[in-house]
Amino acid sequence: MRIAGISLLLAAWPLGGWAGTADAWQQVATAKYFAFGGIGFAGITTESEIGFRAILASGTAASDFRRLLKSGNPQGRCYALVGLRLTDRPAFEEEIDAFLKVQTPVETASSLTVTPVRARIHSMPTMMNAR
């Protein structure tokens, strides 16, 4: 019984603080950084990435990512494009060209530093491996 309880706890841990997809959506929409994988010396996964994964696992992922692309901050819109690429490739192809024309800076973070790096949206395909 103790093992079953620990297994259940570990299975639920990655989505720990989320009350649902709406909370995850809000977290991604207001993301401080666009980053995948751990950031900083400790390699911590951002709440935004956890939210992205919660949306991706939901039954409404494609529509949530389309809405996020319209309403999110620049970092959130980058997560939305990655999500669309994974869930609705035609929608991604439809949106990417207009998105790349925007000159808005995007705050990113790397595995060794949480110092924001300002990247331009038109450099995102390289970062996202989109094309």
N, C-alpha and C. Protein backbone atom coordinates (compact mmCIF):
# COMPACT_ATOMS: atom_id res chain seq x y z
N MET A 1 0.82 -1.20 0.00
CA MET A 1 0.00 0.00 0.00
C MET A 1 0.87 1.26 0.00
N ARG A 2 1.95 1.21 0.78
CA ARG A 2 2.83 2.37 0.85
C ARG A 2 3.46 2.66 -0.51
N ILE A 3 3.85 1.60 -1.24
CA ILE A 3 4.45 1.76 -2.57
C ILE A 3 3.42 2.35 -3.53
N ALA A 4 2.18 1.89 -3.44
CA ALA A 4 1.13 2.42 -4.32
C ALA A 4 0.92 3.91 -4.06
N GLY A 5 0.94 4.31 -2.80
CA GLY A 5 0.77 5.72 -2.45
C GLY A 5 1.91 6.57 -2.97
N ILE A 6 3.13 6.07 -2.84
CA ILE A 6 4.29 6.80 -3.34
C ILE A 6 4.25 6.89 -4.86
N SER A 7 3.87 5.80 -5.52
CA SER A 7 3.76 5.81 -6.99
C SER A 7 2.73 6.82 -7.46
N LEU A 8 1.59 6.88 -6.78
CA LEU A 8 0.55 7.84 -7.13
C LEU A 8 1.05 9.26 -6.93
N LEU A 9 1.74 9.50 -5.84
CA LEU A 9 2.29 10.81 -5.57
C LEU A 9 3.30 11.22 -6.64
N LEU A 10 4.18 10.31 -7.01
CA LEU A 10 5.17 10.60 -8.05
C LEU A 10 4.52 10.82 -9.40
N ALA A 11 3.48 10.09 -9.71
CA ALA A 11 2.78 10.27 -10.99
C ALA A 11 2.10 11.63 -11.05
N ALA A 12 1.61 12.13 -9.94
CA ALA A 12 0.91 13.41 -9.91
C ALA A 12 1.85 14.59 -9.76
N TRP A 13 3.09 14.36 -9.33
CA TRP A 13 4.00 15.44 -9.00
C TRP A 13 4.23 16.45 -10.12
N PRO A 14 4.45 16.06 -11.39
CA PRO A 14 4.75 17.05 -12.41
C PRO A 14 3.64 18.07 -12.61
N LEU A 15 2.41 17.73 -12.34
CA LEU A 15 1.31 18.66 -12.51
C LEU A 15 0.84 19.20 -11.16
N GLY A 16 1.63 19.01 -10.14
CA GLY A 16 1.30 19.32 -8.77
C GLY A 16 0.43 20.52 -8.51
N GLY A 17 0.84 21.71 -8.89
CA GLY A 17 0.12 22.89 -8.50
C GLY A 17 -1.05 23.28 -9.38
N TRP A 18 -1.29 22.55 -10.44
CA TRP A 18 -2.31 22.98 -11.39
C TRP A 18 -3.70 22.53 -10.98
N ALA A 19 -4.62 23.48 -11.02
CA ALA A 19 -6.01 23.15 -10.76
C ALA A 19 -6.66 22.66 -12.04
N GLY A 20 -6.05 22.89 -13.18
CA GLY A 20 -6.59 22.44 -14.44
C GLY A 20 -5.94 23.13 -15.61
N THR A 21 -6.48 22.86 -16.80
CA THR A 21 -5.91 23.42 -18.01
C THR A 21 -6.00 24.94 -18.04
N ALA A 22 -7.04 25.51 -17.43
CA ALA A 22 -7.17 26.97 -17.41
C ALA A 22 -6.00 27.61 -16.68
N ASP A 23 -5.59 27.03 -15.56
CA ASP A 23 -4.43 27.55 -14.83
C ASP A 23 -3.16 27.37 -15.64
N ALA A 24 -3.03 26.22 -16.28
CA ALA A 24 -1.86 25.97 -17.12
C ALA A 24 -1.81 26.96 -18.27
N TRP A 25 -2.95 27.22 -18.88
CA TRP A 25 -3.02 28.16 -20.00
C TRP A 25 -2.57 29.54 -19.54
N GLN A 26 -3.05 29.98 -18.39
CA GLN A 26 -2.67 31.30 -17.87
C GLN A 26 -1.18 31.37 -17.59
N GLN A 27 -0.62 30.29 -17.05
CA GLN A 27 0.81 30.26 -16.75
C GLN A 27 1.63 30.40 -18.03
N VAL A 28 1.22 29.72 -19.09
CA VAL A 28 1.94 29.80 -20.36
C VAL A 28 1.71 31.16 -21.02
N ALA A 29 0.51 31.68 -20.95
CA ALA A 29 0.18 32.96 -21.57
C ALA A 29 1.02 34.10 -21.00
N THR A 30 1.42 33.97 -19.75
CA THR A 30 2.20 35.02 -19.08
C THR A 30 3.63 34.56 -18.77
N ALA A 31 4.15 33.63 -19.55
CA ALA A 31 5.47 33.04 -19.31
C ALA A 31 6.55 34.11 -19.20
N LYS A 32 7.41 33.96 -18.22
CA LYS A 32 8.52 34.88 -18.05
C LYS A 32 9.63 34.58 -19.06
N TYR A 33 9.83 33.30 -19.35
CA TYR A 33 10.86 32.85 -20.30
C TYR A 33 10.28 31.82 -21.25
N PHE A 34 10.85 31.76 -22.45
CA PHE A 34 10.58 30.67 -23.36
C PHE A 34 11.77 29.73 -23.23
N ALA A 35 11.54 28.57 -22.62
CA ALA A 35 12.64 27.64 -22.38
C ALA A 35 12.09 26.23 -22.27
N PHE A 36 12.82 25.28 -22.82
CA PHE A 36 12.51 23.87 -22.64
C PHE A 36 13.70 23.23 -21.94
N GLY A 37 13.40 22.31 -21.05
CA GLY A 37 14.45 21.69 -20.26
C GLY A 37 14.75 22.54 -19.04
N GLY A 38 15.54 22.02 -18.17
CA GLY A 38 15.86 22.74 -16.94
C GLY A 38 16.65 24.00 -17.20
N ILE A 39 16.43 25.02 -16.37
CA ILE A 39 17.19 26.26 -16.48
C ILE A 39 17.92 26.51 -15.17
N GLY A 40 18.95 27.31 -15.24
CA GLY A 40 19.75 27.62 -14.06
C GLY A 40 20.67 26.46 -13.71
N PHE A 41 21.51 26.70 -12.73
CA PHE A 41 22.48 25.68 -12.33
C PHE A 41 21.80 24.43 -11.78
N ALA A 42 20.62 24.60 -11.19
CA ALA A 42 19.90 23.45 -10.63
C ALA A 42 19.09 22.70 -11.68
N GLY A 43 18.94 23.27 -12.87
CA GLY A 43 18.19 22.60 -13.93
C GLY A 43 16.71 22.49 -13.64
N ILE A 44 16.11 23.54 -13.10
CA ILE A 44 14.70 23.53 -12.73
C ILE A 44 13.83 23.72 -13.98
N THR A 45 12.81 22.91 -14.11
CA THR A 45 11.83 23.07 -15.19
C THR A 45 10.92 24.24 -14.83
N THR A 46 10.72 25.14 -15.78
CA THR A 46 9.89 26.31 -15.50
C THR A 46 8.42 25.92 -15.36
N GLU A 47 7.69 26.74 -14.62
CA GLU A 47 6.25 26.52 -14.49
C GLU A 47 5.57 26.63 -15.85
N SER A 48 6.12 27.48 -16.71
CA SER A 48 5.55 27.63 -18.05
C SER A 48 5.68 26.35 -18.86
N GLU A 49 6.82 25.68 -18.76
CA GLU A 49 6.96 24.42 -19.48
C GLU A 49 6.04 23.35 -18.90
N ILE A 50 5.90 23.33 -17.59
CA ILE A 50 4.97 22.39 -16.97
C ILE A 50 3.55 22.67 -17.46
N GLY A 51 3.20 23.95 -17.53
CA GLY A 51 1.88 24.34 -18.06
C GLY A 51 1.72 23.94 -19.51
N PHE A 52 2.77 24.16 -20.31
CA PHE A 52 2.75 23.76 -21.72
C PHE A 52 2.45 22.26 -21.84
N ARG A 53 3.12 21.46 -21.03
CA ARG A 53 2.92 20.01 -21.08
C ARG A 53 1.53 19.61 -20.62
N ALA A 54 0.97 20.36 -19.66
CA ALA A 54 -0.40 20.09 -19.22
C ALA A 54 -1.39 20.38 -20.35
N ILE A 55 -1.18 21.48 -21.05
CA ILE A 55 -2.05 21.81 -22.19
C ILE A 55 -1.90 20.75 -23.26
N LEU A 56 -0.67 20.38 -23.56
CA LEU A 56 -0.39 19.38 -24.59
C LEU A 56 -1.10 18.06 -24.29
N ALA A 57 -1.19 17.71 -23.03
CA ALA A 57 -1.83 16.44 -22.63
C ALA A 57 -3.35 16.54 -22.57
N SER A 58 -3.89 17.74 -22.67
CA SER A 58 -5.34 17.91 -22.55
C SER A 58 -6.04 17.52 -23.85
N GLY A 59 -7.32 17.33 -23.77
CA GLY A 59 -8.11 16.99 -24.95
C GLY A 59 -8.39 18.19 -25.85
N THR A 60 -8.05 19.39 -25.40
CA THR A 60 -8.32 20.61 -26.16
C THR A 60 -7.04 21.34 -26.56
N ALA A 61 -5.94 20.59 -26.64
CA ALA A 61 -4.63 21.20 -26.86
C ALA A 61 -4.58 22.10 -28.09
N ALA A 62 -5.00 21.62 -29.24
CA ALA A 62 -4.88 22.41 -30.46
C ALA A 62 -5.63 23.73 -30.36
N SER A 63 -6.86 23.70 -29.88
CA SER A 63 -7.62 24.95 -29.75
C SER A 63 -7.02 25.85 -28.67
N ASP A 64 -6.52 25.26 -27.59
CA ASP A 64 -5.87 26.07 -26.55
C ASP A 64 -4.63 26.75 -27.09
N PHE A 65 -3.84 26.05 -27.89
CA PHE A 65 -2.63 26.66 -28.46
C PHE A 65 -2.99 27.74 -29.48
N ARG A 66 -4.06 27.56 -30.26
CA ARG A 66 -4.49 28.61 -31.20
C ARG A 66 -4.90 29.87 -30.43
N ARG A 67 -5.63 29.69 -29.34
CA ARG A 67 -6.06 30.82 -28.52
C ARG A 67 -4.85 31.48 -27.87
N LEU A 68 -3.91 30.71 -27.41
CA LEU A 68 -2.69 31.22 -26.78
C LEU A 68 -1.86 32.03 -27.78
N LEU A 69 -1.85 31.61 -29.02
CA LEU A 69 -1.11 32.32 -30.06
C LEU A 69 -1.66 33.73 -30.25
N LYS A 70 -2.95 33.90 -30.06
CA LYS A 70 -3.60 35.20 -30.23
C LYS A 70 -3.49 36.06 -28.97
N SER A 71 -3.44 35.45 -27.80
CA SER A 71 -3.57 36.20 -26.54
C SER A 71 -2.34 36.21 -25.65
N GLY A 72 -1.39 35.34 -25.88
CA GLY A 72 -0.26 35.23 -24.97
C GLY A 72 0.78 36.32 -25.17
N ASN A 73 1.67 36.46 -24.20
CA ASN A 73 2.80 37.36 -24.37
C ASN A 73 3.77 36.72 -25.38
N PRO A 74 4.86 37.40 -25.76
CA PRO A 74 5.75 36.81 -26.78
C PRO A 74 6.26 35.42 -26.43
N GLN A 75 6.62 35.20 -25.16
CA GLN A 75 7.09 33.87 -24.76
C GLN A 75 5.96 32.84 -24.88
N GLY A 76 4.77 33.22 -24.45
CA GLY A 76 3.61 32.34 -24.55
C GLY A 76 3.27 31.99 -25.98
N ARG A 77 3.42 32.98 -26.88
CA ARG A 77 3.14 32.72 -28.30
C ARG A 77 4.16 31.74 -28.88
N CYS A 78 5.40 31.78 -28.40
CA CYS A 78 6.40 30.80 -28.86
C CYS A 78 6.02 29.40 -28.40
N TYR A 79 5.59 29.27 -27.15
CA TYR A 79 5.10 27.97 -26.68
C TYR A 79 3.90 27.52 -27.53
N ALA A 80 3.02 28.46 -27.88
CA ALA A 80 1.85 28.12 -28.68
C ALA A 80 2.25 27.57 -30.04
N LEU A 81 3.25 28.16 -30.67
CA LEU A 81 3.70 27.66 -31.97
C LEU A 81 4.27 26.26 -31.86
N VAL A 82 5.04 26.01 -30.83
CA VAL A 82 5.57 24.65 -30.63
C VAL A 82 4.40 23.68 -30.45
N GLY A 83 3.43 24.09 -29.64
CA GLY A 83 2.25 23.25 -29.41
C GLY A 83 1.47 22.99 -30.68
N LEU A 84 1.29 24.03 -31.49
CA LEU A 84 0.58 23.83 -32.76
C LEU A 84 1.36 22.92 -33.69
N ARG A 85 2.65 23.06 -33.70
CA ARG A 85 3.47 22.18 -34.55
C ARG A 85 3.27 20.72 -34.16
N LEU A 86 3.07 20.47 -32.87
CA LEU A 86 2.89 19.10 -32.39
C LEU A 86 1.46 18.58 -32.51
N THR A 87 0.48 19.49 -32.48
CA THR A 87 -0.92 19.04 -32.43
C THR A 87 -1.73 19.34 -33.69
N ASP A 88 -1.33 20.36 -34.45
CA ASP A 88 -2.10 20.78 -35.62
C ASP A 88 -1.15 21.40 -36.63
N ARG A 89 -0.44 20.55 -37.34
CA ARG A 89 0.61 21.02 -38.27
C ARG A 89 0.07 21.99 -39.32
N PRO A 90 -1.12 21.78 -39.91
CA PRO A 90 -1.63 22.77 -40.87
C PRO A 90 -1.82 24.16 -40.24
N ALA A 91 -2.30 24.22 -39.00
CA ALA A 91 -2.46 25.51 -38.33
C ALA A 91 -1.11 26.16 -38.08
N PHE A 92 -0.12 25.34 -37.71
CA PHE A 92 1.24 25.85 -37.52
C PHE A 92 1.76 26.47 -38.82
N GLU A 93 1.63 25.74 -39.93
CA GLU A 93 2.11 26.23 -41.23
C GLU A 93 1.38 27.51 -41.63
N GLU A 94 0.12 27.62 -41.27
CA GLU A 94 -0.68 28.80 -41.58
C GLU A 94 -0.20 30.02 -40.79
N GLU A 95 0.22 29.83 -39.56
CA GLU A 95 0.57 30.92 -38.65
C GLU A 95 2.04 31.33 -38.66
N ILE A 96 2.93 30.43 -39.00
CA ILE A 96 4.35 30.68 -38.79
C ILE A 96 4.90 31.87 -39.57
N ASP A 97 4.51 32.04 -40.82
CA ASP A 97 5.08 33.13 -41.62
C ASP A 97 4.74 34.50 -41.06
N ALA A 98 3.48 34.71 -40.69
CA ALA A 98 3.08 35.99 -40.09
C ALA A 98 3.80 36.21 -38.76
N PHE A 99 3.95 35.15 -38.01
CA PHE A 99 4.61 35.23 -36.72
C PHE A 99 6.07 35.64 -36.87
N LEU A 100 6.74 35.13 -37.88
CA LEU A 100 8.15 35.41 -38.07
C LEU A 100 8.43 36.85 -38.51
N LYS A 101 7.43 37.53 -39.04
CA LYS A 101 7.60 38.91 -39.48
C LYS A 101 7.62 39.89 -38.31
N VAL A 102 7.16 39.46 -37.16
CA VAL A 102 7.11 40.31 -35.97
C VAL A 102 8.52 40.49 -35.41
N GLN A 103 8.85 41.68 -34.98
CA GLN A 103 10.18 41.97 -34.45
C GLN A 103 10.19 42.07 -32.92
N THR A 104 9.24 41.45 -32.27
CA THR A 104 9.13 41.50 -30.81
C THR A 104 10.22 40.67 -30.14
N PRO A 105 10.89 41.23 -29.13
CA PRO A 105 11.88 40.43 -28.39
C PRO A 105 11.20 39.34 -27.56
N VAL A 106 11.88 38.22 -27.41
CA VAL A 106 11.40 37.09 -26.62
C VAL A 106 12.44 36.81 -25.55
N GLU A 107 12.00 36.70 -24.30
CA GLU A 107 12.92 36.38 -23.21
C GLU A 107 13.12 34.86 -23.16
N THR A 108 14.36 34.44 -23.24
CA THR A 108 14.68 33.02 -23.18
C THR A 108 15.65 32.79 -22.02
N ALA A 109 15.80 31.56 -21.61
CA ALA A 109 16.76 31.21 -20.56
C ALA A 109 17.41 29.89 -20.96
N SER A 110 18.63 29.68 -20.49
CA SER A 110 19.34 28.46 -20.85
C SER A 110 19.56 27.57 -19.63
N SER A 111 20.19 26.47 -19.88
CA SER A 111 20.42 25.50 -18.81
C SER A 111 21.41 26.00 -17.78
N LEU A 112 22.26 26.93 -18.13
CA LEU A 112 23.28 27.37 -17.17
C LEU A 112 23.01 28.73 -16.56
N THR A 113 22.04 29.45 -17.08
CA THR A 113 21.78 30.77 -16.54
C THR A 113 20.30 31.10 -16.63
N VAL A 114 19.83 31.86 -15.69
CA VAL A 114 18.45 32.35 -15.77
C VAL A 114 18.45 33.81 -16.19
N THR A 115 19.62 34.32 -16.58
CA THR A 115 19.68 35.66 -17.12
C THR A 115 18.93 35.66 -18.45
N PRO A 116 17.94 36.51 -18.59
CA PRO A 116 17.18 36.50 -19.84
C PRO A 116 18.05 36.86 -21.04
N VAL A 117 17.80 36.17 -22.11
CA VAL A 117 18.45 36.46 -23.38
C VAL A 117 17.35 36.94 -24.30
N ARG A 118 17.51 38.11 -24.84
CA ARG A 118 16.48 38.64 -25.73
C ARG A 118 16.74 38.15 -27.14
N ALA A 119 15.82 37.39 -27.64
CA ALA A 119 15.91 36.89 -29.01
C ALA A 119 14.77 37.50 -29.80
N ARG A 120 14.97 37.69 -31.03
CA ARG A 120 13.89 38.18 -31.89
C ARG A 120 13.05 37.00 -32.35
N ILE A 121 11.76 37.24 -32.50
CA ILE A 121 10.86 36.18 -32.92
C ILE A 121 11.32 35.56 -34.23
N HIS A 122 11.87 36.34 -35.15
CA HIS A 122 12.28 35.77 -36.44
C HIS A 122 13.43 34.78 -36.29
N SER A 123 14.08 34.72 -35.12
CA SER A 123 15.11 33.71 -34.90
C SER A 123 14.56 32.45 -34.25
N MET A 124 13.28 32.42 -33.95
CA MET A 124 12.67 31.29 -33.26
C MET A 124 12.72 29.98 -34.03
N PRO A 125 12.60 29.94 -35.37
CA PRO A 125 12.65 28.63 -36.03
C PRO A 125 13.92 27.86 -35.70
N THR A 126 15.03 28.56 -35.61
CA THR A 126 16.28 27.89 -35.24
C THR A 126 16.17 27.34 -33.82
N MET A 127 15.62 28.15 -32.91
CA MET A 127 15.50 27.74 -31.52
C MET A 127 14.48 26.62 -31.36
N MET A 128 13.41 26.66 -32.14
CA MET A 128 12.33 25.66 -32.02
C MET A 128 12.54 24.49 -32.97
N ASN A 129 13.54 24.60 -33.86
CA ASN A 129 13.74 23.59 -34.89
C ASN A 129 12.47 23.45 -35.73
N ALA A 130 11.85 24.61 -36.01
CA ALA A 130 10.56 24.63 -36.68
C ALA A 130 10.65 24.36 -38.18
N ARG A 131 11.74 24.70 -38.76
CA ARG A 131 11.85 24.52 -40.21
C ARG A 131 13.09 23.78 -40.56
